[in-house]
C-alpha atoms as a PDB file:
ATOM      1  CA  MET A   1      -3.548  38.311 -11.173  1.00  0.00           C
ATOM      2  CA  GLU A   2      -6.372  40.454 -12.757  1.00  0.00           C
ATOM      3  CA  ILE A   3      -9.199  39.169 -14.116  1.00  0.00           C
ATOM      4  CA  VAL A   4     -11.021  42.092 -17.170  1.00  0.00           C
ATOM      5  CA  ASN A   5     -13.605  41.249 -17.984  1.00  0.00           C
ATOM      6  CA  GLY A   6     -13.172  37.388 -17.187  1.00  0.00           C
ATOM      7  CA  TYR A   7     -10.369  36.648 -19.103  1.00  0.00           C
ATOM      8  CA  VAL A   8      -6.914  36.757 -17.770  1.00  0.00           C
ATOM      9  CA  CYS A   9      -3.409  38.414 -19.538  1.00  0.00           C
ATOM     10  CA  ARG A  10      -1.303  36.117 -20.062  1.00  0.00           C
ATOM     11  CA  ILE A  11       1.521  38.128 -21.652  1.00  0.00           C
ATOM     12  CA  CYS A  12       2.642  39.654 -18.779  1.00  0.00           C
ATOM     13  CA  LYS A  13       0.862  41.316 -15.362  1.00  0.00           C
ATOM     14  CA  ASP A  14       1.173  45.168 -16.165  1.00  0.00           C
ATOM     15  CA  ALA A  15      -0.631  44.115 -18.825  1.00  0.00           C
ATOM     16  CA  ARG A  16      -4.158  43.892 -19.411  1.00  0.00           C
ATOM     17  CA  LEU A  17      -5.597  41.987 -22.931  1.00  0.00           C
ATOM     18  CA  PRO A  18      -9.557  40.754 -22.495  1.00  0.00           C
ATOM     19  CA  LEU A  19     -10.517  39.061 -25.735  1.00  0.00           C
ATOM     20  CA  ASP A  20     -12.240  41.985 -26.984  1.00  0.00           C
ATOM     21  CA  ALA A  21      -9.598  43.742 -26.968  1.00  0.00           C
ATOM     22  CA  CYS A  22      -8.891  43.339 -30.911  1.00  0.00           C
ATOM     23  CA  ARG A  23     -11.136  44.816 -32.771  1.00  0.00           C
ATOM     24  CA  ASP A  24      -9.849  43.519 -36.367  1.00  0.00           C
ATOM     25  CA  PRO A  25     -10.952  40.796 -36.908  1.00  0.00           C
ATOM     26  CA  THR A  26      -7.483  39.493 -38.299  1.00  0.00           C
ATOM     27  CA  ALA A  27      -6.475  39.925 -34.627  1.00  0.00           C
ATOM     28  CA  ARG A  28      -8.938  37.631 -33.194  1.00  0.00           C
ATOM     29  CA  THR A  29      -6.718  34.284 -33.548  1.00  0.00           C
ATOM     30  CA  PHE A  30      -3.998  36.189 -31.127  1.00  0.00           C
ATOM     31  CA  GLY A  31      -6.719  37.240 -28.911  1.00  0.00           C
ATOM     32  CA  GLU A  32      -7.666  33.760 -28.412  1.00  0.00           C
ATOM     33  CA  LEU A  33      -3.969  32.635 -28.067  1.00  0.00           C
ATOM     34  CA  ALA A  34      -3.324  36.117 -25.931  1.00  0.00           C
ATOM     35  CA  ALA A  35      -5.396  35.783 -23.706  1.00  0.00           C
ATOM     36  CA  SER A  36      -8.060  32.714 -22.330  1.00  0.00           C
ATOM     37  CA  ARG A  37     -11.417  32.880 -20.573  1.00  0.00           C
ATOM     38  CA  VAL A  38     -10.067  30.792 -16.889  1.00  0.00           C
ATOM     39  CA  ARG A  39     -10.040  30.171 -13.205  1.00  0.00           C
ATOM     40  CA  THR A  40      -7.092  31.707 -11.420  1.00  0.00           C
ATOM     41  CA  THR A  41      -7.273  28.647  -9.527  1.00  0.00           C
ATOM     42  CA  SER A  42      -6.419  26.535 -12.915  1.00  0.00           C
ATOM     43  CA  PHE A  43      -4.083  29.366 -13.650  1.00  0.00           C
ATOM     44  CA  ARG A  44      -0.729  27.936 -14.528  1.00  0.00           C
ATOM     45  CA  PRO A  45       1.544  31.402 -15.089  1.00  0.00           C
ATOM     46  CA  THR A  46       4.597  29.683 -16.459  1.00  0.00           C
ATOM     47  CA  LEU A  47       3.536  27.968 -19.215  1.00  0.00           C
ATOM     48  CA  ALA A  48       0.749  30.647 -20.572  1.00  0.00           C
ATOM     49  CA  LEU A  49       3.435  33.376 -20.686  1.00  0.00           C
ATOM     50  CA  GLU A  50       5.444  31.403 -22.132  1.00  0.00           C
ATOM     51  CA  ALA A  51       2.790  30.341 -25.334  1.00  0.00           C
ATOM     52  CA  ALA A  52       2.505  33.666 -24.930  1.00  0.00           C
ATOM     53  CA  SER A  53       6.491  34.536 -25.667  1.00  0.00           C
ATOM     54  CA  ARG A  54       6.431  31.781 -28.632  1.00  0.00           C
ATOM     55  CA  LEU A  55       3.324  33.674 -30.315  1.00  0.00           C
ATOM     56  CA  GLN A  56       5.025  37.120 -30.034  1.00  0.00           C
ATOM     57  CA  LEU A  57       8.027  36.591 -30.906  1.00  0.00           C
ATOM     58  CA  ARG A  58       6.304  35.089 -34.242  1.00  0.00           C
ATOM     59  CA  GLU A  59       4.532  37.279 -34.104  1.00  0.00           C
ATOM     60  CA  CYS A  60       7.307  40.338 -34.127  1.00  0.00           C
ATOM     61  CA  LEU A  61       9.661  38.491 -35.703  1.00  0.00           C
ATOM     62  CA  MET A  62       6.861  38.316 -38.816  1.00  0.00           C
ATOM     63  CA  GLY A  63       6.881  42.060 -39.066  1.00  0.00           C
ATOM     64  CA  ASN A  64       2.994  42.621 -38.515  1.00  0.00           C
ATOM     65  CA  TRP A  65       2.465  42.388 -34.610  1.00  0.00           C
ATOM     66  CA  SER A  66       2.662  45.881 -34.100  1.00  0.00           C
ATOM     67  CA  HIS A  67      -1.649  45.880 -36.256  1.00  0.00           C
ATOM     68  CA  LYS A  68      -2.917  43.164 -34.698  1.00  0.00           C
ATOM     69  CA  VAL A  69      -1.932  43.905 -30.705  1.00  0.00           C
ATOM     70  CA  PRO A  70      -2.605  47.348 -30.573  1.00  0.00           C
ATOM     71  CA  VAL A  71      -4.318  47.603 -27.026  1.00  0.00           C
ATOM     72  CA  GLN A  72      -0.182  46.499 -26.519  1.00  0.00           C
ATOM     73  CA  THR A  73       1.665  48.622 -28.876  1.00  0.00           C
ATOM     74  CA  ASP A  74       2.589  51.676 -26.371  1.00  0.00           C
ATOM     75  CA  HIS A  75       3.947  48.748 -23.019  1.00  0.00           C
ATOM     76  CA  PRO A  76       7.291  49.085 -22.677  1.00  0.00           C
ATOM     77  CA  LYS A  77       7.986  46.186 -20.913  1.00  0.00           C
ATOM     78  CA  ILE A  78       6.583  43.735 -23.368  1.00  0.00           C
ATOM     79  CA  GLY A  79       9.007  43.168 -24.976  1.00  0.00           C
ATOM     80  CA  ARG A  80      12.158  42.687 -22.080  1.00  0.00           C
ATOM     81  CA  GLU A  81      10.025  40.981 -20.212  1.00  0.00           C
ATOM     82  CA  VAL A  82       9.371  38.017 -22.457  1.00  0.00           C
ATOM     83  CA  LEU A  83      12.660  38.544 -23.560  1.00  0.00           C
ATOM     84  CA  ARG A  84      13.758  37.846 -19.782  1.00  0.00           C
ATOM     85  CA  HIS A  85      11.453  34.632 -18.888  1.00  0.00           C
ATOM     86  CA  LEU A  86      12.664  32.712 -22.439  1.00  0.00           C
ATOM     87  CA  VAL A  87      16.548  33.353 -20.493  1.00  0.00           C
ATOM     88  CA  ALA A  88      15.062  31.733 -17.543  1.00  0.00           C
ATOM     89  CA  GLU A  89      13.782  29.192 -18.563  1.00  0.00           C
ATOM     90  CA  ASN A  90      16.360  28.088 -20.753  1.00  0.00           C
ATOM     91  CA  TYR A  91      19.587  29.507 -19.010  1.00  0.00           C
ATOM     92  CA  PRO A  92      21.019  25.786 -17.779  1.00  0.00           C
ATOM     93  CA  GLU A  93      21.182  25.533 -21.746  1.00  0.00           C
ATOM     94  CA  ILE A  94      22.446  28.798 -22.416  1.00  0.00           C
ATOM     95  CA  ALA A  95      24.567  29.316 -18.827  1.00  0.00           C
ATOM     96  CA  HIS A  96      28.064  29.062 -20.343  1.00  0.00           C
ATOM     97  CA  SER A  97      27.588  31.092 -23.041  1.00  0.00           C
ATOM     98  CA  LEU A  98      26.813  34.061 -20.525  1.00  0.00           C
ATOM     99  CA  LEU A  99      29.192  33.070 -18.298  1.00  0.00           C
ATOM    100  CA  ARG A 100      32.925  32.203 -20.745  1.00  0.00           C
ATOM    101  CA  PRO A 101      32.952  35.783 -21.941  1.00  0.00           C
ATOM    102  CA  LEU A 102      32.015  37.815 -18.994  1.00  0.00           C
ATOM    103  CA  LEU A 103      34.711  35.893 -17.106  1.00  0.00           C
ATOM    104  CA  ARG A 104      36.280  37.176 -19.724  1.00  0.00           C
ATOM    105  CA  LEU A 105      35.951  40.600 -19.162  1.00  0.00           C
ATOM    106  CA  LEU A 106      36.208  40.192 -15.368  1.00  0.00           C
ATOM    107  CA  ASN A 107      39.675  38.717 -15.865  1.00  0.00           C
ATOM    108  CA  ILE A 108      40.842  41.554 -18.913  1.00  0.00           C
ATOM    109  CA  SER A 109      39.433  44.587 -17.285  1.00  0.00           C
ATOM    110  CA  ARG A 110      41.385  43.770 -13.853  1.00  0.00           C
ATOM    111  CA  ALA A 111      44.775  42.957 -15.750  1.00  0.00           C
ATOM    112  CA  ALA A 112      44.208  46.691 -17.468  1.00  0.00           C
ATOM    113  CA  CYS A 113      43.993  47.814 -13.473  1.00  0.00           C
ATOM    114  CA  GLY A 114      47.490  46.115 -12.364  1.00  0.00           C
ATOM    115  CA  GLY A 115      45.289  43.640 -10.559  1.00  0.00           C
ATOM    116  CA  ASP A 116      43.240  46.120  -8.936  1.00  0.00           C
ATOM    117  CA  ILE A 117      38.810  45.404  -9.492  1.00  0.00           C
ATOM    118  CA  ASP A 118      38.278  47.952  -7.930  1.00  0.00           C
ATOM    119  CA  LYS A 119      40.147  50.572  -9.804  1.00  0.00           C
ATOM    120  CA  PHE A 120      37.920  49.323 -12.573  1.00  0.00           C
ATOM    121  CA  LEU A 121      35.144  49.805 -11.178  1.00  0.00           C
ATOM    122  CA  ILE A 122      35.899  53.482 -10.176  1.00  0.00           C
ATOM    123  CA  MET A 123      36.884  54.388 -13.482  1.00  0.00           C
ATOM    124  CA  LEU A 124      33.411  51.836 -14.815  1.00  0.00           C
ATOM    125  CA  VAL A 125      31.238  54.445 -12.534  1.00  0.00           C
ATOM    126  CA  ILE A 126      33.121  58.093 -13.414  1.00  0.00           C
ATOM    127  CA  ALA A 127      32.932  55.952 -17.483  1.00  0.00           C
ATOM    128  CA  ILE A 128      29.451  55.168 -16.712  1.00  0.00           C
ATOM    129  CA  ARG A 129      28.056  59.516 -16.316  1.00  0.00           C
ATOM    130  CA  THR A 130      30.953  60.527 -19.297  1.00  0.00           C
ATOM    131  CA  THR A 131      28.833  58.541 -21.097  1.00  0.00           C
ATOM    132  CA  GLU A 132      25.073  59.560 -20.622  1.00  0.00           C
ATOM    133  CA  HIS A 133      26.177  63.332 -21.335  1.00  0.00           C
ATOM    134  CA  GLU A 134      24.167  63.874 -24.297  1.00  0.00           C
ATOM    135  CA  GLY A 135      27.916  65.418 -25.129  1.00  0.00           C
ATOM    136  CA  PHE A 136      29.554  62.284 -25.557  1.00  0.00           C
ATOM    137  CA  ALA A 137      27.658  60.369 -28.434  1.00  0.00           C
ATOM    138  CA  ARG A 138      27.940  63.032 -30.971  1.00  0.00           C
ATOM    139  CA  TYR A 139      31.847  62.584 -31.069  1.00  0.00           C
ATOM    140  CA  SER A 140      33.583  59.818 -33.606  1.00  0.00           C
ATOM    141  CA  GLN A 141      34.878  56.681 -32.617  1.00  0.00           C
ATOM    142  CA  ALA A 142      38.247  58.402 -34.422  1.00  0.00           C
ATOM    143  CA  GLN A 143      37.529  61.219 -32.423  1.00  0.00           C
ATOM    144  CA  LEU A 144      37.610  59.888 -29.217  1.00  0.00           C
ATOM    145  CA  LEU A 145      40.659  57.891 -29.660  1.00  0.00           C
ATOM    146  CA  SER A 146      42.955  61.057 -31.160  1.00  0.00           C
ATOM    147  CA  GLY A 147      43.216  63.164 -28.701  1.00  0.00           C
ATOM    148  CA  GLU A 148      41.042  65.732 -29.903  1.00  0.00           C
ATOM    149  CA  VAL A 149      39.058  65.474 -26.743  1.00  0.00           C
ATOM    150  CA  PRO A 150      41.730  65.815 -23.869  1.00  0.00           C
ATOM    151  CA  ILE A 151      38.864  65.761 -21.056  1.00  0.00           C
ATOM    152  CA  PHE A 152      35.717  64.315 -21.827  1.00  0.00           C
ATOM    153  CA  PRO A 153      32.318  66.027 -21.276  1.00  0.00           C
ATOM    154  CA  THR A 154      30.743  64.410 -18.071  1.00  0.00           C
ATOM    155  CA  LEU A 155      27.470  64.871 -16.137  1.00  0.00           C
ATOM    156  CA  GLY A 156      29.669  64.972 -12.891  1.00  0.00           C
ATOM    157  CA  THR A 157      30.454  61.852 -10.010  1.00  0.00           C
ATOM    158  CA  ASN A 158      32.506  61.902  -6.880  1.00  0.00           C
ATOM    159  CA  VAL A 159      35.286  60.295  -4.886  1.00  0.00           C
ATOM    160  CA  ARG A 160      31.646  59.904  -1.674  1.00  0.00           C
ATOM    161  CA  SER A 161      29.094  59.247  -5.069  1.00  0.00           C
ATOM    162  CA  VAL A 162      32.264  56.188  -6.541  1.00  0.00           C
ATOM    163  CA  ALA A 163      31.553  54.608  -2.872  1.00  0.00           C
ATOM    164  CA  GLU A 164      28.322  54.672  -2.884  1.00  0.00           C
ATOM    165  CA  SER A 165      27.280  52.679  -6.381  1.00  0.00           C
ATOM    166  CA  THR A 166      30.316  50.529  -5.971  1.00  0.00           C
ATOM    167  CA  GLY A 167      30.206  49.449  -2.230  1.00  0.00           C
ATOM    168  CA  THR A 168      33.874  50.139  -1.296  1.00  0.00           C
ATOM    169  CA  PRO A 169      34.927  52.395   1.860  1.00  0.00           C
ATOM    170  CA  LYS A 170      35.443  55.994   0.841  1.00  0.00           C
ATOM    171  CA  GLU A 171      39.126  56.560   1.805  1.00  0.00           C
ATOM    172  CA  THR A 172      39.909  53.704  -0.314  1.00  0.00           C
ATOM    173  CA  VAL A 173      38.121  55.245  -3.025  1.00  0.00           C
ATOM    174  CA  ARG A 174      40.250  58.363  -2.547  1.00  0.00           C
ATOM    175  CA  ARG A 175      43.415  56.455  -2.168  1.00  0.00           C
ATOM    176  CA  LYS A 176      42.937  54.490  -5.492  1.00  0.00           C
ATOM    177  CA  VAL A 177      41.604  57.862  -7.433  1.00  0.00           C
ATOM    178  CA  GLY A 178      44.011  59.520  -6.533  1.00  0.00           C
ATOM    179  CA  GLU A 179      46.367  57.115  -7.877  1.00  0.00           C
ATOM    180  CA  LEU A 180      44.550  56.868 -10.893  1.00  0.00           C
ATOM    181  CA  ILE A 181      44.769  60.417 -11.156  1.00  0.00           C
ATOM    182  CA  GLU A 182      49.004  60.435 -11.301  1.00  0.00           C
ATOM    183  CA  ALA A 183      48.474  57.767 -14.495  1.00  0.00           C
ATOM    184  CA  GLY A 184      46.398  60.557 -15.796  1.00  0.00           C
ATOM    185  CA  TRP A 185      43.210  58.012 -16.404  1.00  0.00           C
ATOM    186  CA  ILE A 186      41.376  61.000 -14.715  1.00  0.00           C
ATOM    187  CA  SER A 187      40.893  63.976 -14.132  1.00  0.00           C
ATOM    188  CA  ARG A 188      39.932  66.130 -11.804  1.00  0.00           C
ATOM    189  CA  LYS A 189      37.611  69.334 -11.916  1.00  0.00           C
ATOM    190  CA  GLY A 190      37.056  70.619  -8.200  1.00  0.00           C
ATOM    191  CA  ASN A 191      35.221  67.645  -6.911  1.00  0.00           C
ATOM    192  CA  ASP A 192      34.394  65.944  -9.934  1.00  0.00           C
ATOM    193  CA  LEU A 193      36.279  63.346 -11.691  1.00  0.00           C
ATOM    194  CA  ARG A 194      36.704  63.648 -15.100  1.00  0.00           C
ATOM    195  CA  PHE A 195      37.128  60.150 -18.408  1.00  0.00           C
ATOM    196  CA  THR A 196      40.293  61.059 -20.300  1.00  0.00           C
ATOM    197  CA  VAL A 197      41.494  60.421 -23.508  1.00  0.00           C
ATOM    198  CA  LEU A 198      44.456  58.577 -21.989  1.00  0.00           C
ATOM    199  CA  ALA A 199      42.359  56.168 -20.146  1.00  0.00           C
ATOM    200  CA  TYR A 200      40.549  55.781 -23.336  1.00  0.00           C
ATOM    201  CA  GLN A 201      43.781  54.749 -25.577  1.00  0.00           C
ATOM    202  CA  GLU A 202      45.224  52.613 -22.376  1.00  0.00           C
ATOM    203  CA  LEU A 203      41.691  50.887 -21.945  1.00  0.00           C
ATOM    204  CA  VAL A 204      41.359  49.750 -25.338  1.00  0.00           C
ATOM    205  CA  GLY A 205      41.193  45.733 -25.130  1.00  0.00           C
ATOM    206  CA  VAL A 206      38.656  46.503 -22.447  1.00  0.00           C
ATOM    207  CA  ARG A 207      36.604  48.412 -24.564  1.00  0.00           C
ATOM    208  CA  VAL A 208      36.768  45.524 -27.471  1.00  0.00           C
ATOM    209  CA  THR A 209      36.150  43.200 -25.049  1.00  0.00           C
ATOM    210  CA  ILE A 210      32.924  45.100 -23.613  1.00  0.00           C
ATOM    211  CA  GLU A 211      31.686  45.176 -27.292  1.00  0.00           C
ATOM    212  CA  ASP A 212      32.442  41.627 -27.930  1.00  0.00           C
ATOM    213  CA  LEU A 213      30.775  40.728 -25.142  1.00  0.00           C
ATOM    214  CA  ALA A 214      27.605  42.720 -26.247  1.00  0.00           C
ATOM    215  CA  VAL A 215      27.776  41.359 -29.380  1.00  0.00           C
ATOM    216  CA  SER A 216      28.199  37.588 -28.076  1.00  0.00           C
ATOM    217  CA  ASN A 217      25.203  37.606 -25.360  1.00  0.00           C
ATOM    218  CA  PHE A 218      22.765  39.104 -28.776  1.00  0.00           C
ATOM    219  CA  GLU A 219      23.509  36.224 -29.955  1.00  0.00           C
ATOM    220  CA  VAL A 220      22.590  33.998 -27.293  1.00  0.00           C
ATOM    221  CA  VAL A 221      19.572  36.049 -27.224  1.00  0.00           C
ATOM    222  CA  ALA A 222      18.375  36.161 -30.497  1.00  0.00           C
ATOM    223  CA  ASP A 223      19.115  32.697 -31.089  1.00  0.00           C
ATOM    224  CA  LEU A 224      16.577  32.032 -28.265  1.00  0.00           C
ATOM    225  CA  ALA A 225      13.847  34.612 -29.980  1.00  0.00           C
ATOM    226  CA  ARG A 226      14.848  32.730 -33.061  1.00  0.00           C
ATOM    227  CA  ARG A 227      13.325  29.309 -31.913  1.00  0.00           C
ATOM    228  CA  ALA A 228      11.044  30.295 -30.193  1.00  0.00           C
ATOM    229  CA  GLY A 229       9.269  31.750 -32.957  1.00  0.00           C
ATOM    230  CA  SER A 230       9.350  29.235 -35.118  1.00  0.00           C
ATOM    231  CA  PRO A 231       5.938  27.432 -36.031  1.00  0.00           C
END
């Protein structure tokens, strides 16, 4: 942990927050709590980060964090690091709320692919490359489901890339891609594998479960943030 002007940042190892960083007099209270003059031998990262996490979240929830700590506003990792810390510290309490929806997603995904989880992983890799294409987000859900776009845009992926991404033997991927093409879920153009509207329609149960998982996880983390931000 680096010392800056005799102060240690309590938020993360990358952000440097000396006490005099906040020149606005109204920010002195936050500055004094976020950075404390300590000896490195007595510094306890977990407790310090917990204190900073609670304070930062409280300021975020109050809607006035950005102007109180201008030195931190352009740091892209602060929010995520604080939330990751909260999740890690409270994992024993929230584990069941995270694991049950995940298990449901895996079961539904495997069932949708005829009991073959490898096929789901293949479809997932192709779906990721599809959703990363800027054109995909321009379509509405209704357009994607209607068949207006029979073959979805993609940044492109092939059998070798899928094999490397999933850790599945290349020949296994090649064989299962052939089966998915026969099922109409994948279209091949040259070496590129593309997601089809039929797959999007028939995998609706998987998509809805992914949406449910996102909402469930958000609720769990939001509740942690709310409690951490409470006085």
